[in-house]
Amino acid sequence: MNDGFFCVDMRGYPTPSLATMPDLPASFHGNAAGIAFADGHSEIHKWKDPRTMPPVRKTGPPVVSQANNPDVIWLWEHTTTKNR
């Protein structure tokens, strides 16, 4: 992560083929991460798609194309968005 927060890009929602991930989540704990929500609950989610946890490199942007990534779909399903 390149800063102190993590964001979920909802621009492709709800179309899985348009999924992107601007920030990659941490996966230090067995390819899983703890996510805290505004309502006070938290969950540990184990990442399923290798694109969510690529090898760490010192240069270059993270993988952006995440089409049909089940981890992005999980994040979408657990994130708020403006009603359409």
C-alpha atoms as a PDB file:
ATOM      1  CA  MET A   1       0.000   0.000   0.000  1.00  0.00           C
ATOM      2  CA  ASN A   2       1.363   3.379  -0.914  1.00  0.00           C
ATOM      3  CA  ASP A   3      -0.453   5.446   1.712  1.00  0.00           C
ATOM      4  CA  GLY A   4      -2.438   5.198   4.930  1.00  0.00           C
ATOM      5  CA  PHE A   5      -5.774   4.229   3.455  1.00  0.00           C
ATOM      6  CA  PHE A   6      -7.277   1.645   1.148  1.00  0.00           C
ATOM      7  CA  CYS A   7      -9.927   2.465  -1.424  1.00  0.00           C
ATOM      8  CA  VAL A   8     -12.261   0.341  -3.508  1.00  0.00           C
ATOM      9  CA  ASP A   9     -12.850   1.532  -7.074  1.00  0.00           C
ATOM     10  CA  MET A  10     -16.601   1.223  -7.681  1.00  0.00           C
ATOM     11  CA  ARG A  11     -16.551   2.600 -11.249  1.00  0.00           C
ATOM     12  CA  GLY A  12     -16.986  -0.842 -12.843  1.00  0.00           C
ATOM     13  CA  TYR A  13     -19.692  -1.989 -10.410  1.00  0.00           C
ATOM     14  CA  PRO A  14     -21.657  -4.229 -10.919  1.00  0.00           C
ATOM     15  CA  THR A  15     -19.942  -5.504 -14.099  1.00  0.00           C
ATOM     16  CA  PRO A  16     -17.100  -7.925 -13.146  1.00  0.00           C
ATOM     17  CA  SER A  17     -15.351  -7.557 -16.509  1.00  0.00           C
ATOM     18  CA  LEU A  18     -14.772  -3.843 -15.702  1.00  0.00           C
ATOM     19  CA  ALA A  19     -13.186  -4.426 -12.281  1.00  0.00           C
ATOM     20  CA  THR A  20     -10.063  -2.481 -11.318  1.00  0.00           C
ATOM     21  CA  MET A  21      -8.033  -2.219  -8.122  1.00  0.00           C
ATOM     22  CA  PRO A  22      -6.162   1.078  -7.586  1.00  0.00           C
ATOM     23  CA  ASP A  23      -4.496  -0.100  -4.356  1.00  0.00           C
ATOM     24  CA  LEU A  24      -3.527  -3.658  -3.570  1.00  0.00           C
ATOM     25  CA  PRO A  25      -4.408  -4.867  -0.070  1.00  0.00           C
ATOM     26  CA  ALA A  26      -1.860  -6.337   2.307  1.00  0.00           C
ATOM     27  CA  SER A  27      -1.620 -10.111   2.363  1.00  0.00           C
ATOM     28  CA  PHE A  28       0.940 -10.741   5.107  1.00  0.00           C
ATOM     29  CA  HIS A  29      -1.169 -13.231   7.039  1.00  0.00           C
ATOM     30  CA  GLY A  30      -1.532 -16.278   4.813  1.00  0.00           C
ATOM     31  CA  ASN A  31      -2.719 -14.206   1.825  1.00  0.00           C
ATOM     32  CA  ALA A  32      -5.492 -12.672   3.909  1.00  0.00           C
ATOM     33  CA  ALA A  33      -6.233  -9.239   5.340  1.00  0.00           C
ATOM     34  CA  GLY A  34      -8.342  -7.776   8.104  1.00  0.00           C
ATOM     35  CA  ILE A  35     -10.838  -5.187   6.898  1.00  0.00           C
ATOM     36  CA  ALA A  36     -12.553  -2.807   9.336  1.00  0.00           C
ATOM     37  CA  PHE A  37     -15.893  -1.250   8.419  1.00  0.00           C
ATOM     38  CA  ALA A  38     -17.480   2.066   9.417  1.00  0.00           C
ATOM     39  CA  ASP A  39     -20.200   0.296  11.419  1.00  0.00           C
ATOM     40  CA  GLY A  40     -17.527  -1.058  13.775  1.00  0.00           C
ATOM     41  CA  HIS A  41     -17.321  -4.687  12.633  1.00  0.00           C
ATOM     42  CA  SER A  42     -14.325  -6.265  10.971  1.00  0.00           C
ATOM     43  CA  GLU A  43     -13.697  -9.348   8.874  1.00  0.00           C
ATOM     44  CA  ILE A  44     -10.682 -11.352   7.815  1.00  0.00           C
ATOM     45  CA  HIS A  45     -10.826 -12.148   4.103  1.00  0.00           C
ATOM     46  CA  LYS A  46      -8.541 -14.656   2.391  1.00  0.00           C
ATOM     47  CA  TRP A  47      -7.626 -13.464  -1.100  1.00  0.00           C
ATOM     48  CA  LYS A  48      -8.423 -15.946  -3.870  1.00  0.00           C
ATOM     49  CA  ASP A  49      -7.048 -14.405  -7.073  1.00  0.00           C
ATOM     50  CA  PRO A  50      -3.252 -14.192  -7.569  1.00  0.00           C
ATOM     51  CA  ARG A  51      -3.674 -10.755  -9.214  1.00  0.00           C
ATOM     52  CA  THR A  52      -4.703  -9.409  -5.806  1.00  0.00           C
ATOM     53  CA  MET A  53      -1.294 -10.300  -4.347  1.00  0.00           C
ATOM     54  CA  PRO A  54       1.379  -9.944  -7.051  1.00  0.00           C
ATOM     55  CA  PRO A  55       5.067 -10.034  -6.106  1.00  0.00           C
ATOM     56  CA  VAL A  56       6.134  -6.773  -4.468  1.00  0.00           C
ATOM     57  CA  ARG A  57       8.416  -4.643  -6.625  1.00  0.00           C
ATOM     58  CA  LYS A  58      10.173  -1.406  -5.775  1.00  0.00           C
ATOM     59  CA  THR A  59       9.079   0.338  -8.979  1.00  0.00           C
ATOM     60  CA  GLY A  60       6.119   0.337 -11.292  1.00  0.00           C
ATOM     61  CA  PRO A  61       2.391   0.638 -10.750  1.00  0.00           C
ATOM     62  CA  PRO A  62       0.325  -2.222  -9.328  1.00  0.00           C
ATOM     63  CA  VAL A  63      -1.705  -4.446 -11.597  1.00  0.00           C
ATOM     64  CA  VAL A  64      -4.734  -2.385 -12.642  1.00  0.00           C
ATOM     65  CA  SER A  65      -6.804  -4.757 -14.784  1.00  0.00           C
ATOM     66  CA  GLN A  66      -8.738  -7.032 -12.455  1.00  0.00           C
ATOM     67  CA  ALA A  67     -11.489  -8.289 -14.773  1.00  0.00           C
ATOM     68  CA  ASN A  68     -13.626 -10.968 -13.101  1.00  0.00           C
ATOM     69  CA  ASN A  69     -11.448 -10.988  -9.977  1.00  0.00           C
ATOM     70  CA  PRO A  70     -13.502 -12.608  -7.165  1.00  0.00           C
ATOM     71  CA  ASP A  71     -11.644 -10.493  -4.595  1.00  0.00           C
ATOM     72  CA  VAL A  72     -12.774  -7.251  -6.249  1.00  0.00           C
ATOM     73  CA  ILE A  73     -16.316  -8.627  -6.402  1.00  0.00           C
ATOM     74  CA  TRP A  74     -16.122  -9.422  -2.659  1.00  0.00           C
ATOM     75  CA  LEU A  75     -14.888  -5.884  -1.956  1.00  0.00           C
ATOM     76  CA  TRP A  76     -17.700  -4.424  -4.088  1.00  0.00           C
ATOM     77  CA  GLU A  77     -20.262  -6.470  -2.154  1.00  0.00           C
ATOM     78  CA  HIS A  78     -18.901  -5.114   1.140  1.00  0.00           C
ATOM     79  CA  THR A  79     -18.518  -1.458   0.107  1.00  0.00           C
ATOM     80  CA  THR A  80     -21.113   1.297  -0.029  1.00  0.00           C
ATOM     81  CA  THR A  81     -21.828   3.142  -3.252  1.00  0.00           C
ATOM     82  CA  LYS A  82     -24.223   5.780  -4.501  1.00  0.00           C
ATOM     83  CA  ASN A  83     -27.670   4.456  -5.416  1.00  0.00           C
ATOM     84  CA  ARG A  84     -28.355   4.351  -9.129  1.00  0.00           C
END
